[in-house]
């Protein structure tokens, strides 16, 4: 892998299952490494790589933390599963104070988030407005690593995780989960963020959350869980569009996306119909056209239109074989089949880590 112009880091969420493929807690795995942490439901844990401008270093760091996790899991006869959803609905109460607050705030709408495992890529801030807009325009890349066509046992979309996370939360909450329009400036982006935060704070009061509890657990930067967002504490621009997937797939994605973002160092960004990369310019589509393409990528996957779009941005989609394309089961599956698939891809994950 090559060097990246800016430091990048990854956060990858995987499910924990037992030898029967049933979701279970992973405390022993979290305790095995300081770059493994709990998510807000017990069967999901997160793996982190430190920021680096050397993508080979990112790969080594990811391999090291996953090998440690797999060894810890093996000792307890547990597995890690690289699927965007657990395929069927499971009962998963929140395990943190913040998670419990979100349960009270979102109600049933939080069930979708509890069943979604994704990948987050952090980019050091450079030309921040251009980074936000270009990463927004790269949203259709999520089709390259879509890893679960099933939600609640039903074949729903190429990326069922992205579909339910963005489209099934209801009008009241969609602005906190769906793709935001391009930003004209940092001031305009921050004004949008502040407005979303204030609306969420008001809504939390209507749902019985105290102002003190809300402000203790929710800040403007984490009030929205959109596919692209700013992190002030890091400080980074965070791209949250993709599903979780096999490590090798996510590292390929990281190379392609960071390579495109690096081009901003000597190119300007513009919005027009003739999408492409020139000697001094990157042209991305209108947001309306992008939204149509993104929905196609989420629901149908690597269609000719999605592949042509990525080709215009000099990304070779033929290098990817998403897990969602491999799972050829019927339109509905039961819990038994879901457990079998989890174990199958847990095995694939172990093989993939060994081959990095």
Protein backbone atom coordinates (compact mmCIF):
# COMPACT_ATOMS: atom_id res chain seq x y z
CA UNK A 1 0.00 0.00 0.00
CA UNK A 2 1.10 3.58 -0.59
CA UNK A 3 1.52 6.59 1.66
CA UNK A 4 -1.45 8.87 2.20
CA UNK A 5 -1.07 12.63 1.97
CA UNK A 6 -2.94 13.14 5.22
CA UNK A 7 -3.08 10.95 8.30
CA UNK A 8 -6.02 8.53 8.33
CA UNK A 9 -7.39 6.16 10.93
CA UNK A 10 -10.12 3.54 10.95
CA UNK A 11 -12.80 2.32 13.33
CA UNK A 12 -14.39 -1.02 12.42
CA UNK A 13 -17.33 -2.62 14.21
CA UNK A 14 -17.74 -6.40 14.34
CA UNK A 15 -20.32 -8.67 15.95
CA UNK A 16 -19.36 -11.23 18.60
CA UNK A 17 -20.95 -14.69 18.46
CA UNK A 18 -20.50 -17.96 20.33
CA UNK A 19 -19.73 -21.36 18.83
CA UNK A 20 -23.40 -21.75 17.82
CA UNK A 21 -23.43 -18.44 15.96
CA UNK A 22 -25.56 -16.72 18.59
CA UNK A 23 -24.81 -13.09 19.44
CA UNK A 24 -23.04 -12.70 22.76
CA UNK A 25 -21.02 -10.21 24.78
CA UNK A 26 -17.31 -9.76 24.14
CA UNK A 27 -15.84 -8.42 27.40
CA UNK A 28 -12.78 -10.67 27.19
CA UNK A 29 -12.06 -9.45 23.69
CA UNK A 30 -12.37 -5.79 24.69
CA UNK A 31 -10.02 -6.39 27.63
CA UNK A 32 -7.36 -7.90 25.36
CA UNK A 33 -6.24 -4.63 23.73
CA UNK A 34 -6.42 -0.90 24.40
CA UNK A 35 -7.65 -0.24 20.86
CA UNK A 36 -10.76 -2.39 21.27
CA UNK A 37 -13.84 -0.88 22.88
CA UNK A 38 -17.48 -1.62 23.59
CA UNK A 39 -20.20 -0.21 21.38
CA UNK A 40 -23.56 0.62 22.91
CA UNK A 41 -24.91 -2.95 22.62
CA UNK A 42 -23.06 -5.91 24.12
CA UNK A 43 -22.53 -8.08 20.98
CA UNK A 44 -20.86 -5.27 19.00
CA UNK A 45 -17.27 -4.14 19.58
CA UNK A 46 -15.07 -1.63 17.80
CA UNK A 47 -11.48 -1.90 16.59
CA UNK A 48 -9.37 1.19 16.05
CA UNK A 49 -6.17 2.03 14.20
CA UNK A 50 -4.14 5.10 15.20
CA UNK A 51 -3.93 7.87 12.57
CA UNK A 52 -1.05 7.48 10.15
CA UNK A 53 -0.04 8.83 6.75
CA UNK A 54 1.46 5.41 5.93
CA UNK A 55 -1.26 3.01 4.76
CA UNK A 56 1.04 0.04 5.27
CA UNK A 57 1.27 1.08 8.91
CA UNK A 58 -2.54 1.23 9.09
CA UNK A 59 -2.68 -2.31 7.70
CA UNK A 60 -0.10 -3.56 10.23
CA UNK A 61 -1.94 -1.90 13.09
CA UNK A 62 -5.25 -3.38 11.99
CA UNK A 63 -3.75 -6.84 11.60
CA UNK A 64 -2.15 -6.65 15.05
CA UNK A 65 -5.31 -5.60 16.90
CA UNK A 66 -7.47 -8.13 15.08
CA UNK A 67 -5.01 -10.98 15.70
CA UNK A 68 -5.06 -10.14 19.40
CA UNK A 69 -8.86 -10.05 19.37
CA UNK A 70 -9.18 -13.33 17.50
CA UNK A 71 -6.85 -15.05 19.95
CA UNK A 72 -8.86 -13.74 22.90
CA UNK A 73 -12.10 -14.81 21.23
CA UNK A 74 -10.71 -18.28 20.47
CA UNK A 75 -9.84 -18.84 24.12
CA UNK A 76 -13.52 -18.30 25.01
CA UNK A 77 -14.83 -20.19 21.96
CA UNK A 78 -16.19 -17.00 20.43
CA UNK A 79 -16.00 -15.53 16.90
CA UNK A 80 -15.97 -12.13 15.18
CA UNK A 81 -18.45 -11.57 12.35
CA UNK A 82 -17.92 -9.01 9.54
CA UNK A 83 -21.56 -8.44 8.53
CA UNK A 84 -23.36 -5.10 8.35
CA UNK A 85 -26.35 -6.50 10.25
CA UNK A 86 -26.89 -9.65 12.31
CA UNK A 87 -29.25 -10.67 9.45
CA UNK A 88 -32.23 -11.21 11.76
CA UNK A 89 -33.67 -9.13 14.58
CA UNK A 90 -32.22 -9.78 18.00
CA UNK A 91 -32.91 -8.37 21.47
CA UNK A 92 -30.05 -6.00 22.31
CA UNK A 93 -30.53 -3.52 25.16
CA UNK A 94 -28.13 -0.59 25.41
CA UNK A 95 -25.26 -1.15 27.87
CA UNK A 96 -24.08 2.45 28.40
CA UNK A 97 -25.69 5.52 29.96
CA UNK A 98 -25.53 7.32 26.62
CA UNK A 99 -27.14 4.34 24.91
CA UNK A 100 -29.93 4.24 27.46
CA UNK A 101 -30.52 7.97 26.99
CA UNK A 102 -30.73 7.43 23.23
CA UNK A 103 -33.24 4.62 23.80
CA UNK A 104 -35.42 7.07 25.69
CA UNK A 105 -34.97 9.76 23.05
CA UNK A 106 -35.33 7.72 19.86
CA UNK A 107 -37.69 5.04 21.14
CA UNK A 108 -38.23 2.26 18.61
CA UNK A 109 -36.18 4.22 16.06
CA UNK A 110 -33.01 3.21 17.87
CA UNK A 111 -33.59 -0.47 17.10
CA UNK A 112 -32.23 0.09 13.60
CA UNK A 113 -28.97 1.52 14.92
CA UNK A 114 -28.59 -1.40 17.32
CA UNK A 115 -28.59 -3.77 14.35
CA UNK A 116 -26.05 -1.86 12.21
CA UNK A 117 -22.29 -2.43 12.12
CA UNK A 118 -20.21 -0.02 10.07
CA UNK A 119 -16.80 1.38 9.28
CA UNK A 120 -15.61 4.90 10.09
CA UNK A 121 -12.60 6.51 8.42
CA UNK A 122 -11.02 9.61 9.99
CA UNK A 123 -9.12 12.11 7.87
CA UNK A 124 -6.93 14.85 9.32
CA UNK A 125 -8.54 18.19 8.57
CA UNK A 126 -7.07 20.03 5.60
CA UNK A 127 -9.36 21.97 3.24
CA UNK A 128 -12.30 21.02 5.43
CA UNK A 129 -15.23 22.22 3.32
CA UNK A 130 -13.81 20.48 0.26
CA UNK A 131 -13.15 17.32 2.31
CA UNK A 132 -16.75 17.30 3.56
CA UNK A 133 -18.14 17.74 0.07
CA UNK A 134 -15.86 15.23 -1.65
CA UNK A 135 -16.53 12.55 0.97
CA UNK A 136 -20.24 13.26 0.55
CA UNK A 137 -19.82 12.72 -3.20
CA UNK A 138 -18.02 9.41 -2.51
CA UNK A 139 -21.09 8.05 -0.74
CA UNK A 140 -21.89 5.52 -3.55
CA UNK A 141 -18.59 3.79 -2.69
CA UNK A 142 -20.49 2.05 0.09
CA UNK A 143 -21.76 -0.43 -2.51
CA UNK A 144 -18.22 -1.80 -2.88
CA UNK A 145 -18.17 -3.26 0.63
CA UNK A 146 -21.88 -3.88 1.33
CA UNK A 147 -21.94 -6.90 3.61
CA UNK A 148 -25.54 -7.75 4.46
CA UNK A 149 -28.58 -7.84 2.17
CA UNK A 150 -30.76 -8.94 5.12
CA UNK A 151 -32.49 -7.07 7.89
CA UNK A 152 -35.00 -8.78 10.20
CA UNK A 153 -34.61 -11.93 8.10
CA UNK A 154 -35.77 -10.23 4.91
CA UNK A 155 -33.67 -9.54 1.83
CA UNK A 156 -34.06 -5.78 1.87
CA UNK A 157 -31.27 -4.04 -0.05
CA UNK A 158 -27.69 -4.42 -1.23
CA UNK A 159 -26.72 -2.61 1.97
CA UNK A 160 -29.58 -3.31 4.35
CA UNK A 161 -27.60 -1.50 7.07
CA UNK A 162 -27.50 1.77 5.16
CA UNK A 163 -31.12 1.36 4.06
CA UNK A 164 -32.63 1.01 7.52
CA UNK A 165 -30.19 3.42 9.17
CA UNK A 166 -30.99 6.23 6.76
CA UNK A 167 -34.50 5.62 5.51
CA UNK A 168 -36.41 3.77 8.23
CA UNK A 169 -35.98 6.10 11.20
CA UNK A 170 -38.89 8.33 10.26
CA UNK A 171 -39.02 11.96 9.20
CA UNK A 172 -38.38 13.17 12.74
CA UNK A 173 -34.91 11.62 12.88
CA UNK A 174 -33.81 11.23 9.26
CA UNK A 175 -31.80 14.46 9.29
CA UNK A 176 -29.63 12.97 12.05
CA UNK A 177 -28.80 9.81 10.05
CA UNK A 178 -29.08 10.60 6.32
CA UNK A 179 -26.62 12.25 3.95
CA UNK A 180 -26.37 16.04 4.31
CA UNK A 181 -26.21 18.36 1.33
CA UNK A 182 -22.90 19.90 0.29
CA UNK A 183 -21.65 22.73 2.50
CA UNK A 184 -21.02 26.24 1.16
CA UNK A 185 -18.64 27.03 4.01
CA UNK A 186 -17.63 25.92 7.46
CA UNK A 187 -19.86 28.61 8.97
CA UNK A 188 -22.86 27.24 7.09
CA UNK A 189 -22.06 23.64 8.13
CA UNK A 190 -21.68 24.64 11.78
CA UNK A 191 -24.95 26.58 11.68
CA UNK A 192 -26.72 23.44 10.41
CA UNK A 193 -25.10 21.38 13.15
CA UNK A 194 -26.10 23.86 15.86
CA UNK A 195 -29.69 23.92 14.60
CA UNK A 196 -29.88 20.11 14.58
CA UNK A 197 -28.48 20.00 18.11
CA UNK A 198 -30.98 22.52 19.46
CA UNK A 199 -33.90 20.68 17.85
CA UNK A 200 -32.71 17.38 19.33
CA UNK A 201 -32.30 18.95 22.75
CA UNK A 202 -35.87 20.31 22.61
CA UNK A 203 -37.16 16.91 21.49
CA UNK A 204 -35.29 15.17 24.30
CA UNK A 205 -37.10 17.37 26.82
CA UNK A 206 -40.45 16.39 25.33
CA UNK A 207 -39.47 12.72 25.81
CA UNK A 208 -38.57 13.09 29.45
CA UNK A 209 -34.78 13.40 29.18
CA UNK A 210 -33.42 15.97 31.61
CA UNK A 211 -31.43 18.85 30.17
CA UNK A 212 -28.45 17.92 32.35
CA UNK A 213 -28.46 14.30 31.17
CA UNK A 214 -28.78 15.35 27.55
CA UNK A 215 -25.90 17.81 27.74
CA UNK A 216 -23.74 15.28 29.61
CA UNK A 217 -24.03 12.66 26.88
CA UNK A 218 -24.81 14.59 23.69
CA UNK A 219 -22.66 17.31 22.13
CA UNK A 220 -23.22 19.04 18.79
CA UNK A 221 -20.59 16.88 17.05
CA UNK A 222 -22.14 13.58 18.15
CA UNK A 223 -25.78 14.70 17.95
CA UNK A 224 -25.76 13.72 14.28
CA UNK A 225 -24.76 10.27 13.01
CA UNK A 226 -24.65 11.25 9.35
CA UNK A 227 -22.44 9.50 6.76
CA UNK A 228 -20.04 12.48 6.86
CA UNK A 229 -19.43 14.57 9.94
CA UNK A 230 -16.84 16.70 11.73
CA UNK A 231 -15.16 15.54 14.92
CA UNK A 232 -13.80 18.38 17.02
CA UNK A 233 -12.08 16.26 19.64
CA UNK A 234 -10.02 14.27 17.13
CA UNK A 235 -9.94 16.71 15.14
CA UNK A 236 -10.94 14.95 11.94
CA UNK A 237 -13.41 14.71 9.11
CA UNK A 238 -15.16 11.38 9.59
CA UNK A 239 -16.56 9.25 6.73
CA UNK A 240 -19.14 6.79 8.07
CA UNK A 241 -20.79 5.56 4.86
CA UNK A 242 -19.55 1.93 4.53
CA UNK A 243 -20.72 -1.28 6.15
CA UNK A 244 -18.27 -3.29 8.15
CA UNK A 245 -16.66 -5.96 5.97
CA UNK A 246 -13.57 -8.16 5.68
CA UNK A 247 -10.39 -6.27 6.65
CA UNK A 248 -8.81 -6.65 3.20
CA UNK A 249 -11.90 -5.15 1.59
CA UNK A 250 -11.89 -2.19 3.97
CA UNK A 251 -8.18 -1.58 3.43
CA UNK A 252 -8.75 -1.49 -0.34
CA UNK A 253 -11.57 0.98 0.25
CA UNK A 254 -9.31 3.08 2.46
CA UNK A 255 -6.66 3.20 -0.25
CA UNK A 256 -9.12 4.32 -2.92
CA UNK A 257 -10.95 6.90 -0.83
CA UNK A 258 -7.86 8.41 0.79
CA UNK A 259 -6.19 8.57 -2.61
CA UNK A 260 -9.09 10.58 -3.99
CA UNK A 261 -9.19 12.88 -0.96
CA UNK A 262 -5.44 13.44 -1.26
CA UNK A 263 -6.01 14.97 -4.70
CA UNK A 264 -7.51 18.01 -2.99
CA UNK A 265 -3.96 19.08 -2.12
CA UNK A 266 -3.44 20.42 -5.66
CA UNK A 267 -6.94 20.48 -7.19
CA UNK A 268 -10.01 22.59 -6.66
CA UNK A 269 -13.48 21.12 -6.20
CA UNK A 270 -16.48 22.07 -8.32
CA UNK A 271 -20.06 20.87 -8.82
CA UNK A 272 -21.33 20.19 -12.36
CA UNK A 273 -22.79 17.49 -14.59
CA UNK A 274 -19.47 16.43 -16.15
CA UNK A 275 -18.12 14.44 -13.18
CA UNK A 276 -14.45 13.60 -13.28
CA UNK A 277 -10.88 14.36 -12.27
CA UNK A 278 -8.82 16.81 -14.28
CA UNK A 279 -5.30 18.16 -13.91
CA UNK A 280 -6.39 20.99 -11.65
CA UNK A 281 -9.95 20.15 -10.72
CA UNK A 282 -12.28 17.51 -9.30
CA UNK A 283 -15.88 17.77 -10.45
CA UNK A 284 -18.63 16.17 -8.38
CA UNK A 285 -22.35 15.90 -9.30
CA UNK A 286 -25.18 18.06 -8.06
CA UNK A 287 -26.48 16.88 -4.73
CA UNK A 288 -29.81 15.90 -6.27
CA UNK A 289 -28.08 13.60 -8.76
CA UNK A 290 -25.84 12.23 -6.03
CA UNK A 291 -28.84 11.35 -3.85
CA UNK A 292 -30.35 9.33 -6.69
CA UNK A 293 -27.08 7.51 -7.28
CA UNK A 294 -26.58 6.81 -3.59
CA UNK A 295 -30.05 5.31 -3.24
CA UNK A 296 -29.30 3.09 -6.24
CA UNK A 297 -26.01 2.01 -4.65
CA UNK A 298 -27.75 1.19 -1.37
CA UNK A 299 -30.69 -0.70 -2.85
CA UNK A 300 -29.17 -2.33 -5.96
CA UNK A 301 -25.39 -2.23 -5.48
CA UNK A 302 -22.88 -2.10 -8.30
CA UNK A 303 -25.16 -1.09 -11.13
CA UNK A 304 -23.73 0.20 -14.43
CA UNK A 305 -24.55 3.76 -13.33
CA UNK A 306 -22.70 3.34 -10.03
CA UNK A 307 -19.70 1.76 -11.73
CA UNK A 308 -19.60 4.49 -14.39
CA UNK A 309 -19.70 7.15 -11.70
CA UNK A 310 -16.83 5.63 -9.76
CA UNK A 311 -14.88 5.12 -12.97
CA UNK A 312 -15.23 8.85 -13.67
CA UNK A 313 -13.61 9.43 -10.28
CA UNK A 314 -10.84 6.97 -11.26
CA UNK A 315 -11.93 4.25 -8.82
CA UNK A 316 -11.89 0.70 -10.20
CA UNK A 317 -15.05 -0.97 -8.89
CA UNK A 318 -14.12 -4.30 -10.51
CA UNK A 319 -11.55 -4.90 -7.75
CA UNK A 320 -14.34 -5.40 -5.22
CA UNK A 321 -16.55 -8.40 -4.54
CA UNK A 322 -18.97 -7.31 -1.79
CA UNK A 323 -20.20 -9.93 0.64
CA UNK A 324 -23.78 -8.96 -0.24
CA UNK A 325 -23.17 -10.31 -3.75
CA UNK A 326 -22.00 -13.66 -2.36
CA UNK A 327 -25.02 -14.37 -0.17
CA UNK A 328 -27.53 -15.99 -2.51
CA UNK A 329 -30.10 -17.24 -0.01
CA UNK A 330 -33.86 -16.77 -0.61
CA UNK A 331 -35.81 -13.61 0.14
CA UNK A 332 -36.31 -14.66 3.76
CA UNK A 333 -34.05 -16.53 6.18
CA UNK A 334 -34.66 -17.76 9.72
CA UNK A 335 -32.52 -17.50 12.84
CA UNK A 336 -30.91 -20.88 12.21
CA UNK A 337 -29.69 -19.86 8.76
CA UNK A 338 -28.55 -16.50 10.14
CA UNK A 339 -26.40 -18.29 12.71
CA UNK A 340 -24.90 -20.48 9.97
CA UNK A 341 -24.00 -17.43 7.87
CA UNK A 342 -22.46 -15.66 10.84
CA UNK A 343 -20.19 -18.63 11.49
CA UNK A 344 -19.30 -18.91 7.81
CA UNK A 345 -18.16 -15.30 7.64
CA UNK A 346 -16.47 -15.51 11.02
CA UNK A 347 -14.29 -18.15 9.42
CA UNK A 348 -13.71 -15.93 6.42
CA UNK A 349 -12.66 -13.11 8.72
CA UNK A 350 -10.05 -15.26 10.45
CA UNK A 351 -8.64 -16.36 7.07
CA UNK A 352 -8.64 -12.78 5.81
CA UNK A 353 -6.68 -11.49 8.82
CA UNK A 354 -4.13 -14.27 8.41
CA UNK A 355 -3.60 -13.31 4.77
CA UNK A 356 -3.06 -9.58 5.33
